């Protein structure tokens, strides 16, 4: 199925979720993420502010801030993203597209140990279908394979396989409400580990 069709079908299914479903599934996913050794070891992480029934990130944000981790959020600047540190979620204000964003000086996203990336759909090889604007692809492509890129998605957003393109950024780790997928690039590329 082409990316455009996957995007439309998955967004339609996500829109059907009720607020209680979003809250319940998001809580289960965030608790699973907080238990991961990757999160426990992280000193700095990037989160996104959810919109349109995306997986919520507020529990992770509160836990990160309470444990003294650096917390960064993206902001759209021109055709790119900049990543700014926040000390509280109240520092986020609606930016372009109405998405809550931080203000301030940007940091290099490579400074973060984990970067949680939103998306419409993902596959078991870490390929991602975003919203079609390419902000995350442009901003994070150089960090592919670093072990830093994490997808948060509902089980139904995790597909067996999607068609990727060279400019698409791929994830290292995918977390859903029921499982964690550690992407093995060697197997996905048909190499012997």
N, C-alpha and C. Protein backbone atom coordinates (compact mmCIF):
# COMPACT_ATOMS: atom_id res chain seq x y z
N UNK A 1 0.85 -1.18 0.00
CA UNK A 1 0.00 0.00 0.00
C UNK A 1 0.90 1.24 0.00
N UNK A 2 0.60 2.23 -0.82
CA UNK A 2 1.42 3.45 -0.86
C UNK A 2 1.34 4.23 0.46
N UNK A 3 2.37 5.05 0.69
CA UNK A 3 2.44 5.85 1.92
C UNK A 3 1.19 6.69 2.13
N UNK A 4 0.72 7.31 1.07
CA UNK A 4 -0.44 8.19 1.18
C UNK A 4 -1.67 7.43 1.69
N UNK A 5 -1.87 6.20 1.19
CA UNK A 5 -3.00 5.39 1.62
C UNK A 5 -2.83 4.94 3.07
N UNK A 6 -1.61 4.51 3.44
CA UNK A 6 -1.32 4.14 4.84
C UNK A 6 -1.60 5.33 5.76
N UNK A 7 -1.13 6.50 5.34
CA UNK A 7 -1.30 7.71 6.17
C UNK A 7 -2.79 7.98 6.40
N UNK A 8 -3.57 7.97 5.34
CA UNK A 8 -5.01 8.28 5.45
C UNK A 8 -5.73 7.25 6.32
N UNK A 9 -5.46 5.97 6.10
CA UNK A 9 -6.15 4.92 6.86
C UNK A 9 -5.78 4.96 8.34
N UNK A 10 -4.51 5.16 8.63
CA UNK A 10 -4.06 5.16 10.02
C UNK A 10 -4.55 6.40 10.76
N UNK A 11 -4.52 7.55 10.11
CA UNK A 11 -5.04 8.77 10.74
C UNK A 11 -6.54 8.64 11.01
N UNK A 12 -7.27 8.03 10.10
CA UNK A 12 -8.71 7.84 10.30
C UNK A 12 -8.95 6.94 11.52
N UNK A 13 -8.18 5.89 11.64
CA UNK A 13 -8.34 4.99 12.79
C UNK A 13 -7.97 5.69 14.09
N UNK A 14 -6.94 6.51 14.05
CA UNK A 14 -6.53 7.23 15.26
C UNK A 14 -7.60 8.23 15.69
N UNK A 15 -8.24 8.88 14.72
CA UNK A 15 -9.31 9.84 15.03
C UNK A 15 -10.49 9.17 15.72
N UNK A 16 -10.68 7.87 15.48
CA UNK A 16 -11.79 7.14 16.08
C UNK A 16 -11.58 6.86 17.58
N UNK A 17 -10.36 7.01 18.06
CA UNK A 17 -10.10 6.75 19.47
C UNK A 17 -10.80 7.79 20.33
N UNK A 18 -11.40 7.33 21.42
CA UNK A 18 -12.01 8.27 22.37
C UNK A 18 -10.92 8.83 23.27
N UNK A 19 -11.22 9.93 23.95
CA UNK A 19 -10.24 10.50 24.89
C UNK A 19 -9.86 9.51 25.97
N UNK A 20 -10.81 8.75 26.56
CA UNK A 20 -10.41 7.75 27.54
C UNK A 20 -9.50 6.65 26.96
N UNK A 21 -9.74 6.26 25.71
CA UNK A 21 -8.87 5.27 25.07
C UNK A 21 -7.46 5.83 24.89
N UNK A 22 -7.36 7.06 24.41
CA UNK A 22 -6.06 7.70 24.23
C UNK A 22 -5.33 7.75 25.57
N UNK A 23 -6.03 8.15 26.63
CA UNK A 23 -5.41 8.25 27.95
C UNK A 23 -4.93 6.89 28.45
N UNK A 24 -5.77 5.87 28.31
CA UNK A 24 -5.42 4.53 28.80
C UNK A 24 -4.25 3.92 28.03
N UNK A 25 -4.33 3.97 26.70
CA UNK A 25 -3.25 3.41 25.87
C UNK A 25 -1.95 4.18 26.07
N UNK A 26 -2.06 5.50 26.15
CA UNK A 26 -0.86 6.33 26.34
C UNK A 26 -0.19 6.04 27.68
N UNK A 27 -1.00 5.86 28.72
CA UNK A 27 -0.44 5.57 30.04
C UNK A 27 0.31 4.25 30.02
N UNK A 28 -0.28 3.21 29.43
CA UNK A 28 0.38 1.90 29.35
C UNK A 28 1.70 2.01 28.58
N UNK A 29 1.68 2.74 27.47
CA UNK A 29 2.89 2.90 26.66
C UNK A 29 3.97 3.66 27.44
N UNK A 30 3.59 4.75 28.07
CA UNK A 30 4.58 5.56 28.79
C UNK A 30 5.19 4.78 29.96
N UNK A 31 4.37 3.99 30.66
CA UNK A 31 4.91 3.18 31.75
C UNK A 31 5.91 2.15 31.22
N UNK A 32 5.59 1.56 30.07
CA UNK A 32 6.51 0.59 29.44
C UNK A 32 7.84 1.29 29.10
N UNK A 33 7.76 2.51 28.55
CA UNK A 33 8.95 3.27 28.20
C UNK A 33 9.78 3.62 29.43
N UNK A 34 9.12 4.05 30.51
CA UNK A 34 9.84 4.44 31.72
C UNK A 34 10.59 3.27 32.36
N UNK A 35 10.14 2.05 32.08
CA UNK A 35 10.80 0.85 32.62
C UNK A 35 12.01 0.40 31.80
N UNK A 36 12.19 0.97 30.63
CA UNK A 36 13.29 0.54 29.75
C UNK A 36 14.65 0.97 30.30
N UNK A 37 15.66 0.13 30.15
CA UNK A 37 17.01 0.52 30.58
C UNK A 37 17.52 1.75 29.82
N UNK A 38 17.10 1.90 28.56
CA UNK A 38 17.52 3.05 27.77
C UNK A 38 17.02 4.35 28.40
N UNK A 39 15.78 4.33 28.88
CA UNK A 39 15.26 5.53 29.55
C UNK A 39 15.97 5.74 30.89
N UNK A 40 16.12 4.68 31.63
CA UNK A 40 16.75 4.78 32.96
C UNK A 40 18.15 5.40 32.86
N UNK A 41 18.89 5.03 31.81
CA UNK A 41 20.27 5.51 31.65
C UNK A 41 20.35 6.91 31.03
N UNK A 42 19.28 7.35 30.41
CA UNK A 42 19.30 8.63 29.69
C UNK A 42 19.45 9.80 30.64
N UNK A 43 20.26 10.76 30.23
CA UNK A 43 20.41 12.01 31.00
C UNK A 43 19.64 13.15 30.34
N UNK A 44 19.35 12.99 29.04
CA UNK A 44 18.62 14.02 28.31
C UNK A 44 17.75 13.35 27.25
N UNK A 45 16.53 13.86 27.10
CA UNK A 45 15.67 13.30 26.07
C UNK A 45 14.82 14.38 25.42
N UNK A 46 14.42 14.07 24.19
CA UNK A 46 13.53 14.94 23.42
C UNK A 46 12.17 14.27 23.40
N UNK A 47 11.13 15.04 23.69
CA UNK A 47 9.75 14.57 23.56
C UNK A 47 9.02 15.47 22.57
N UNK A 48 7.83 15.07 22.18
CA UNK A 48 6.98 15.90 21.34
C UNK A 48 5.72 16.24 22.13
N UNK A 49 5.07 17.32 21.78
CA UNK A 49 3.77 17.68 22.35
C UNK A 49 2.70 17.06 21.45
N UNK A 50 1.88 16.16 21.98
CA UNK A 50 0.93 15.44 21.13
C UNK A 50 -0.24 16.29 20.64
N UNK A 51 -0.68 15.96 19.42
CA UNK A 51 -1.87 16.58 18.84
C UNK A 51 -2.70 15.49 18.17
N UNK A 52 -3.96 15.74 17.96
CA UNK A 52 -4.84 14.87 17.17
C UNK A 52 -4.76 13.39 17.58
N UNK A 53 -4.91 13.13 18.87
CA UNK A 53 -4.95 11.77 19.41
C UNK A 53 -3.63 11.01 19.30
N UNK A 54 -2.51 11.72 19.15
CA UNK A 54 -1.21 11.06 19.22
C UNK A 54 -1.02 10.52 20.63
N UNK A 55 -0.09 9.59 20.77
CA UNK A 55 0.26 9.08 22.09
C UNK A 55 0.72 10.25 22.97
N UNK A 56 0.16 10.34 24.16
CA UNK A 56 0.52 11.40 25.10
C UNK A 56 1.94 11.16 25.62
N UNK A 57 2.60 12.23 26.02
CA UNK A 57 3.98 12.14 26.54
C UNK A 57 4.12 12.79 27.92
N UNK A 58 3.02 13.24 28.50
CA UNK A 58 3.09 14.03 29.73
C UNK A 58 3.63 13.25 30.93
N UNK A 59 3.31 11.97 31.05
CA UNK A 59 3.81 11.16 32.17
C UNK A 59 5.33 11.04 32.07
N UNK A 60 5.84 10.82 30.86
CA UNK A 60 7.29 10.73 30.66
C UNK A 60 7.94 12.08 30.97
N UNK A 61 7.33 13.16 30.52
CA UNK A 61 7.88 14.49 30.78
C UNK A 61 7.98 14.76 32.28
N UNK A 62 6.91 14.45 33.01
CA UNK A 62 6.91 14.68 34.46
C UNK A 62 7.96 13.83 35.16
N UNK A 63 8.09 12.58 34.75
CA UNK A 63 9.09 11.69 35.36
C UNK A 63 10.50 12.17 35.05
N UNK A 64 10.72 12.60 33.80
CA UNK A 64 12.06 13.08 33.42
C UNK A 64 12.44 14.31 34.22
N UNK A 65 11.53 15.26 34.32
CA UNK A 65 11.82 16.48 35.07
C UNK A 65 12.02 16.18 36.56
N UNK A 66 11.21 15.29 37.11
CA UNK A 66 11.32 14.95 38.54
C UNK A 66 12.64 14.25 38.85
N UNK A 67 13.19 13.53 37.87
CA UNK A 67 14.45 12.82 38.12
C UNK A 67 15.68 13.61 37.68
N UNK A 68 15.48 14.85 37.25
CA UNK A 68 16.61 15.71 36.90
C UNK A 68 17.17 15.52 35.51
N UNK A 69 16.44 14.85 34.65
CA UNK A 69 16.90 14.69 33.27
C UNK A 69 16.65 15.99 32.50
N UNK A 70 17.49 16.27 31.51
CA UNK A 70 17.25 17.41 30.61
C UNK A 70 16.11 17.02 29.68
N UNK A 71 15.19 17.94 29.46
CA UNK A 71 14.04 17.68 28.62
C UNK A 71 13.97 18.73 27.53
N UNK A 72 13.92 18.27 26.28
CA UNK A 72 13.86 19.16 25.13
C UNK A 72 12.61 18.87 24.30
N UNK A 73 12.13 19.92 23.64
CA UNK A 73 11.00 19.81 22.73
C UNK A 73 11.37 20.50 21.42
N UNK A 74 10.77 20.05 20.31
CA UNK A 74 11.05 20.69 19.03
C UNK A 74 10.18 21.92 18.80
N UNK A 75 10.72 22.83 18.00
CA UNK A 75 9.99 24.00 17.53
C UNK A 75 10.29 24.16 16.04
N UNK A 76 9.28 24.47 15.27
CA UNK A 76 9.46 24.67 13.83
C UNK A 76 10.05 26.05 13.58
N UNK A 77 11.16 26.05 12.83
CA UNK A 77 11.80 27.30 12.43
C UNK A 77 12.07 27.19 10.94
N UNK A 78 11.31 27.93 10.16
CA UNK A 78 11.45 27.81 8.71
C UNK A 78 11.06 26.41 8.27
N UNK A 79 11.99 25.72 7.60
CA UNK A 79 11.75 24.35 7.14
C UNK A 79 12.40 23.31 8.04
N UNK A 80 12.88 23.73 9.19
CA UNK A 80 13.60 22.83 10.08
C UNK A 80 13.01 22.84 11.49
N UNK A 81 13.56 21.97 12.31
CA UNK A 81 13.22 21.95 13.73
C UNK A 81 14.42 22.42 14.53
N UNK A 82 14.15 23.16 15.60
CA UNK A 82 15.19 23.40 16.58
C UNK A 82 14.69 22.75 17.87
N UNK A 83 15.60 22.34 18.71
CA UNK A 83 15.26 21.62 19.93
C UNK A 83 15.70 22.47 21.12
N UNK A 84 14.72 22.80 21.98
CA UNK A 84 14.98 23.70 23.10
C UNK A 84 14.68 23.00 24.41
N UNK A 85 15.52 23.27 25.40
CA UNK A 85 15.33 22.69 26.72
C UNK A 85 14.21 23.44 27.45
N UNK A 86 13.41 22.69 28.21
CA UNK A 86 12.37 23.28 29.04
C UNK A 86 12.53 22.77 30.47
N UNK A 87 12.10 23.61 31.42
CA UNK A 87 12.12 23.22 32.83
C UNK A 87 10.72 22.85 33.31
N UNK A 88 9.71 23.16 32.51
CA UNK A 88 8.32 22.85 32.84
C UNK A 88 7.49 22.87 31.56
N UNK A 89 6.42 22.10 31.54
CA UNK A 89 5.56 22.05 30.36
C UNK A 89 4.82 23.36 30.14
N UNK A 90 4.74 24.19 31.15
CA UNK A 90 4.09 25.49 31.00
C UNK A 90 4.90 26.42 30.09
N UNK A 91 6.14 26.04 29.77
CA UNK A 91 6.97 26.84 28.86
C UNK A 91 6.60 26.62 27.40
N UNK A 92 5.71 25.67 27.12
CA UNK A 92 5.30 25.39 25.75
C UNK A 92 4.11 26.26 25.40
N UNK A 93 4.13 26.82 24.20
CA UNK A 93 3.01 27.66 23.72
C UNK A 93 2.74 27.30 22.27
N UNK A 94 1.49 27.44 21.82
CA UNK A 94 1.16 27.08 20.44
C UNK A 94 2.07 27.79 19.43
N UNK A 95 2.63 26.99 18.55
CA UNK A 95 3.50 27.51 17.49
C UNK A 95 2.85 27.27 16.15
N UNK A 96 3.67 27.10 15.13
CA UNK A 96 3.16 26.82 13.80
C UNK A 96 2.35 25.52 13.86
N UNK A 97 1.30 25.45 13.15
CA UNK A 97 0.38 24.31 13.11
C UNK A 97 -0.38 24.12 14.43
N UNK A 98 -0.26 25.06 15.37
CA UNK A 98 -0.96 24.95 16.65
C UNK A 98 -0.34 23.98 17.62
N UNK A 99 0.82 23.44 17.30
CA UNK A 99 1.49 22.46 18.17
C UNK A 99 2.25 23.21 19.26
N UNK A 100 2.09 22.81 20.53
CA UNK A 100 2.84 23.46 21.60
C UNK A 100 4.35 23.31 21.37
N UNK A 101 5.06 24.45 21.46
CA UNK A 101 6.50 24.49 21.20
C UNK A 101 7.19 25.32 22.27
N UNK A 102 8.48 25.08 22.47
CA UNK A 102 9.26 25.91 23.39
C UNK A 102 9.80 27.13 22.65
N UNK A 103 10.24 28.09 23.41
CA UNK A 103 10.97 29.23 22.86
C UNK A 103 12.37 29.17 23.44
N UNK A 104 13.27 29.89 22.83
CA UNK A 104 14.62 29.94 23.37
C UNK A 104 15.64 29.45 22.38
N UNK A 105 16.85 29.37 22.87
CA UNK A 105 17.97 28.96 22.03
C UNK A 105 17.95 27.45 21.82
N UNK A 106 18.22 27.05 20.60
CA UNK A 106 18.20 25.63 20.27
C UNK A 106 19.45 24.90 20.71
N UNK A 107 19.29 23.59 20.93
CA UNK A 107 20.40 22.70 21.28
C UNK A 107 20.56 21.68 20.15
N UNK A 108 21.72 21.11 20.03
CA UNK A 108 21.96 20.05 19.05
C UNK A 108 21.21 18.81 19.54
N UNK A 109 20.31 18.23 18.73
CA UNK A 109 19.59 17.04 19.19
C UNK A 109 20.51 15.86 19.49
N UNK A 110 21.73 15.88 18.94
CA UNK A 110 22.68 14.80 19.23
C UNK A 110 23.07 14.77 20.71
N UNK A 111 22.84 15.88 21.42
CA UNK A 111 23.12 15.92 22.87
C UNK A 111 22.15 15.07 23.67
N UNK A 112 21.00 14.77 23.10
CA UNK A 112 20.00 13.95 23.80
C UNK A 112 20.36 12.47 23.67
N UNK A 113 20.08 11.73 24.72
CA UNK A 113 20.32 10.28 24.69
C UNK A 113 19.19 9.56 23.97
N UNK A 114 17.97 10.09 24.06
CA UNK A 114 16.82 9.52 23.39
C UNK A 114 15.99 10.64 22.77
N UNK A 115 15.50 10.39 21.56
CA UNK A 115 14.67 11.36 20.85
C UNK A 115 13.38 10.65 20.46
N UNK A 116 12.29 11.02 21.11
CA UNK A 116 11.00 10.40 20.83
C UNK A 116 10.35 11.15 19.67
N UNK A 117 10.05 10.40 18.63
CA UNK A 117 9.58 10.97 17.36
C UNK A 117 8.13 10.57 17.13
N UNK A 118 7.26 11.55 16.83
CA UNK A 118 5.89 11.19 16.49
C UNK A 118 5.81 10.69 15.05
N UNK A 119 4.71 10.06 14.72
CA UNK A 119 4.51 9.61 13.35
C UNK A 119 3.11 9.07 13.17
N UNK A 120 2.78 8.81 11.93
CA UNK A 120 1.47 8.27 11.60
C UNK A 120 1.51 6.75 11.63
N UNK A 121 2.59 6.17 11.10
CA UNK A 121 2.74 4.71 11.08
C UNK A 121 4.23 4.37 11.07
N UNK A 122 4.54 3.18 11.56
CA UNK A 122 5.90 2.68 11.61
C UNK A 122 5.86 1.21 11.21
N UNK A 123 7.03 0.66 10.82
CA UNK A 123 7.07 -0.77 10.58
C UNK A 123 8.15 -1.42 11.43
N UNK A 124 8.23 -2.75 11.35
CA UNK A 124 9.12 -3.50 12.23
C UNK A 124 10.60 -3.26 11.93
N UNK A 125 10.90 -2.62 10.81
CA UNK A 125 12.28 -2.25 10.49
C UNK A 125 12.56 -0.79 10.81
N UNK A 126 11.64 -0.14 11.52
CA UNK A 126 11.86 1.23 11.97
C UNK A 126 11.50 2.30 10.96
N UNK A 127 11.00 1.89 9.79
CA UNK A 127 10.60 2.89 8.80
C UNK A 127 9.38 3.65 9.33
N UNK A 128 9.29 4.90 8.93
CA UNK A 128 8.28 5.81 9.49
C UNK A 128 7.53 6.53 8.38
N UNK A 129 6.23 6.65 8.59
CA UNK A 129 5.42 7.56 7.78
C UNK A 129 5.05 8.71 8.69
N UNK A 130 5.49 9.90 8.33
CA UNK A 130 5.16 11.08 9.11
C UNK A 130 3.96 11.78 8.51
N UNK A 131 3.90 13.07 8.72
CA UNK A 131 2.76 13.84 8.24
C UNK A 131 3.00 14.43 6.85
N UNK A 132 4.19 14.19 6.31
CA UNK A 132 4.46 14.60 4.93
C UNK A 132 5.22 15.90 4.77
N UNK A 133 5.57 16.57 5.85
CA UNK A 133 6.29 17.84 5.76
C UNK A 133 7.81 17.65 5.82
N UNK A 134 8.29 16.54 6.38
CA UNK A 134 9.72 16.23 6.39
C UNK A 134 10.56 16.88 7.47
N UNK A 135 9.93 17.52 8.46
CA UNK A 135 10.72 18.21 9.49
C UNK A 135 11.64 17.25 10.26
N UNK A 136 11.10 16.16 10.74
CA UNK A 136 11.92 15.22 11.50
C UNK A 136 12.94 14.54 10.61
N UNK A 137 12.56 14.23 9.36
CA UNK A 137 13.51 13.60 8.43
C UNK A 137 14.74 14.49 8.23
N UNK A 138 14.51 15.76 7.97
CA UNK A 138 15.63 16.69 7.74
C UNK A 138 16.46 16.89 9.00
N UNK A 139 15.79 16.98 10.14
CA UNK A 139 16.49 17.33 11.38
C UNK A 139 17.24 16.16 12.01
N UNK A 140 16.80 14.93 11.75
CA UNK A 140 17.37 13.79 12.49
C UNK A 140 18.05 12.74 11.62
N UNK A 141 18.08 12.94 10.32
CA UNK A 141 18.65 11.92 9.42
C UNK A 141 20.07 11.52 9.82
N UNK A 142 20.86 12.48 10.24
CA UNK A 142 22.27 12.19 10.59
C UNK A 142 22.39 11.34 11.85
N UNK A 143 21.31 11.19 12.61
CA UNK A 143 21.35 10.42 13.86
C UNK A 143 20.81 8.99 13.70
N UNK A 144 20.45 8.62 12.46
CA UNK A 144 19.97 7.26 12.23
C UNK A 144 21.02 6.24 12.65
N UNK A 145 20.55 5.15 13.26
CA UNK A 145 21.45 4.08 13.67
C UNK A 145 22.24 4.38 14.92
N UNK A 146 21.99 5.52 15.56
CA UNK A 146 22.73 5.91 16.76
C UNK A 146 22.15 5.29 18.02
N UNK A 147 20.99 4.64 17.91
CA UNK A 147 20.32 4.08 19.07
C UNK A 147 19.48 5.09 19.82
N UNK A 148 19.37 6.31 19.30
CA UNK A 148 18.67 7.39 19.98
C UNK A 148 17.22 7.56 19.56
N UNK A 149 16.85 7.12 18.37
CA UNK A 149 15.55 7.46 17.80
C UNK A 149 14.47 6.47 18.21
N UNK A 150 13.46 6.98 18.89
CA UNK A 150 12.41 6.17 19.49
C UNK A 150 11.05 6.59 18.93
N UNK A 151 10.25 5.61 18.54
CA UNK A 151 8.88 5.88 18.10
C UNK A 151 7.91 5.51 19.21
N UNK A 152 6.94 6.38 19.45
CA UNK A 152 5.79 6.07 20.29
C UNK A 152 4.62 5.89 19.33
N UNK A 153 3.95 4.74 19.39
CA UNK A 153 2.77 4.54 18.55
C UNK A 153 1.86 3.49 19.16
N UNK A 154 0.60 3.57 18.80
CA UNK A 154 -0.36 2.54 19.21
C UNK A 154 -0.08 1.28 18.41
N UNK A 155 -0.51 0.13 18.95
CA UNK A 155 -0.29 -1.13 18.25
C UNK A 155 -0.76 -1.08 16.80
N UNK A 156 -1.91 -0.47 16.54
CA UNK A 156 -2.44 -0.47 15.17
C UNK A 156 -1.62 0.40 14.23
N UNK A 157 -0.75 1.26 14.77
CA UNK A 157 0.12 2.09 13.93
C UNK A 157 1.41 1.36 13.54
N UNK A 158 1.66 0.21 14.16
CA UNK A 158 2.86 -0.56 13.86
C UNK A 158 2.51 -1.62 12.82
N UNK A 159 3.00 -1.43 11.61
CA UNK A 159 2.67 -2.29 10.49
C UNK A 159 3.82 -3.26 10.22
N UNK A 160 3.52 -4.33 9.52
CA UNK A 160 4.54 -5.32 9.18
C UNK A 160 5.63 -4.69 8.31
N UNK A 161 5.20 -3.97 7.28
CA UNK A 161 6.18 -3.35 6.37
C UNK A 161 5.55 -2.17 5.66
N UNK A 162 6.32 -1.10 5.54
CA UNK A 162 5.91 0.05 4.73
C UNK A 162 7.05 0.38 3.78
N UNK A 163 6.71 1.01 2.69
CA UNK A 163 7.73 1.39 1.71
C UNK A 163 8.46 2.63 2.23
N UNK A 164 9.75 2.50 2.38
CA UNK A 164 10.55 3.63 2.82
C UNK A 164 11.22 4.31 1.65
N UNK A 165 11.63 5.55 1.87
CA UNK A 165 12.37 6.29 0.86
C UNK A 165 13.69 6.73 1.50
N UNK A 166 14.72 6.97 0.70
CA UNK A 166 16.05 7.30 1.25
C UNK A 166 16.06 8.48 2.22
N UNK A 167 15.16 9.45 2.02
CA UNK A 167 15.16 10.63 2.90
C UNK A 167 14.42 10.39 4.22
N UNK A 168 13.68 9.27 4.33
CA UNK A 168 12.92 8.99 5.55
C UNK A 168 13.85 8.56 6.69
N UNK A 169 13.68 9.17 7.84
CA UNK A 169 14.46 8.80 9.01
C UNK A 169 13.87 7.51 9.60
N UNK A 170 14.75 6.57 10.00
CA UNK A 170 14.28 5.31 10.57
C UNK A 170 14.57 5.27 12.07
N UNK A 171 13.70 4.57 12.78
CA UNK A 171 13.77 4.48 14.23
C UNK A 171 14.66 3.32 14.67
N UNK A 172 15.20 3.46 15.89
CA UNK A 172 15.99 2.40 16.50
C UNK A 172 15.16 1.55 17.45
N UNK A 173 14.14 2.17 18.02
CA UNK A 173 13.33 1.54 19.06
C UNK A 173 11.88 1.98 18.86
N UNK A 174 10.94 1.05 18.97
CA UNK A 174 9.53 1.37 18.82
C UNK A 174 8.81 0.88 20.06
N UNK A 175 8.04 1.77 20.69
CA UNK A 175 7.31 1.42 21.90
C UNK A 175 5.82 1.58 21.63
N UNK A 176 5.06 0.51 21.91
CA UNK A 176 3.60 0.58 21.83
C UNK A 176 3.06 0.28 23.22
N UNK A 177 1.73 0.25 23.34
CA UNK A 177 1.14 -0.05 24.64
C UNK A 177 1.36 -1.49 25.07
N UNK A 178 1.72 -2.37 24.12
CA UNK A 178 1.87 -3.78 24.48
C UNK A 178 3.25 -4.37 24.25
N UNK A 179 4.14 -3.63 23.56
CA UNK A 179 5.46 -4.23 23.30
C UNK A 179 6.51 -3.19 22.96
N UNK A 180 7.75 -3.68 22.96
CA UNK A 180 8.91 -2.88 22.58
C UNK A 180 9.60 -3.61 21.44
N UNK A 181 9.90 -2.91 20.37
CA UNK A 181 10.62 -3.48 19.23
C UNK A 181 11.97 -2.80 19.14
N UNK A 182 13.03 -3.58 19.29
CA UNK A 182 14.38 -3.09 19.09
C UNK A 182 14.75 -3.45 17.65
N UNK A 183 14.85 -2.45 16.81
CA UNK A 183 15.05 -2.67 15.38
C UNK A 183 16.45 -3.22 15.13
N UNK A 184 16.50 -4.32 14.39
CA UNK A 184 17.77 -4.92 14.00
C UNK A 184 18.02 -4.55 12.55
N UNK A 185 18.85 -3.54 12.34
CA UNK A 185 19.10 -3.03 10.98
C UNK A 185 19.72 -4.10 10.08
N UNK A 186 20.54 -4.99 10.66
CA UNK A 186 21.19 -6.02 9.84
C UNK A 186 20.16 -6.97 9.24
N UNK A 187 19.20 -7.40 10.05
CA UNK A 187 18.17 -8.30 9.55
C UNK A 187 17.29 -7.56 8.54
N UNK A 188 16.95 -6.30 8.83
CA UNK A 188 16.09 -5.53 7.94
C UNK A 188 16.75 -5.27 6.59
N UNK A 189 18.06 -5.18 6.58
CA UNK A 189 18.78 -4.94 5.32
C UNK A 189 19.22 -6.24 4.67
N UNK A 190 18.80 -7.38 5.24
CA UNK A 190 19.12 -8.68 4.66
C UNK A 190 20.55 -9.13 4.89
N UNK A 191 21.26 -8.48 5.84
CA UNK A 191 22.63 -8.86 6.14
C UNK A 191 22.64 -9.94 7.21
N UNK A 192 23.74 -10.63 7.31
CA UNK A 192 23.93 -11.58 8.40
C UNK A 192 24.46 -10.82 9.61
N UNK A 193 23.84 -10.99 10.79
CA UNK A 193 24.32 -10.25 11.99
C UNK A 193 25.69 -10.72 12.41
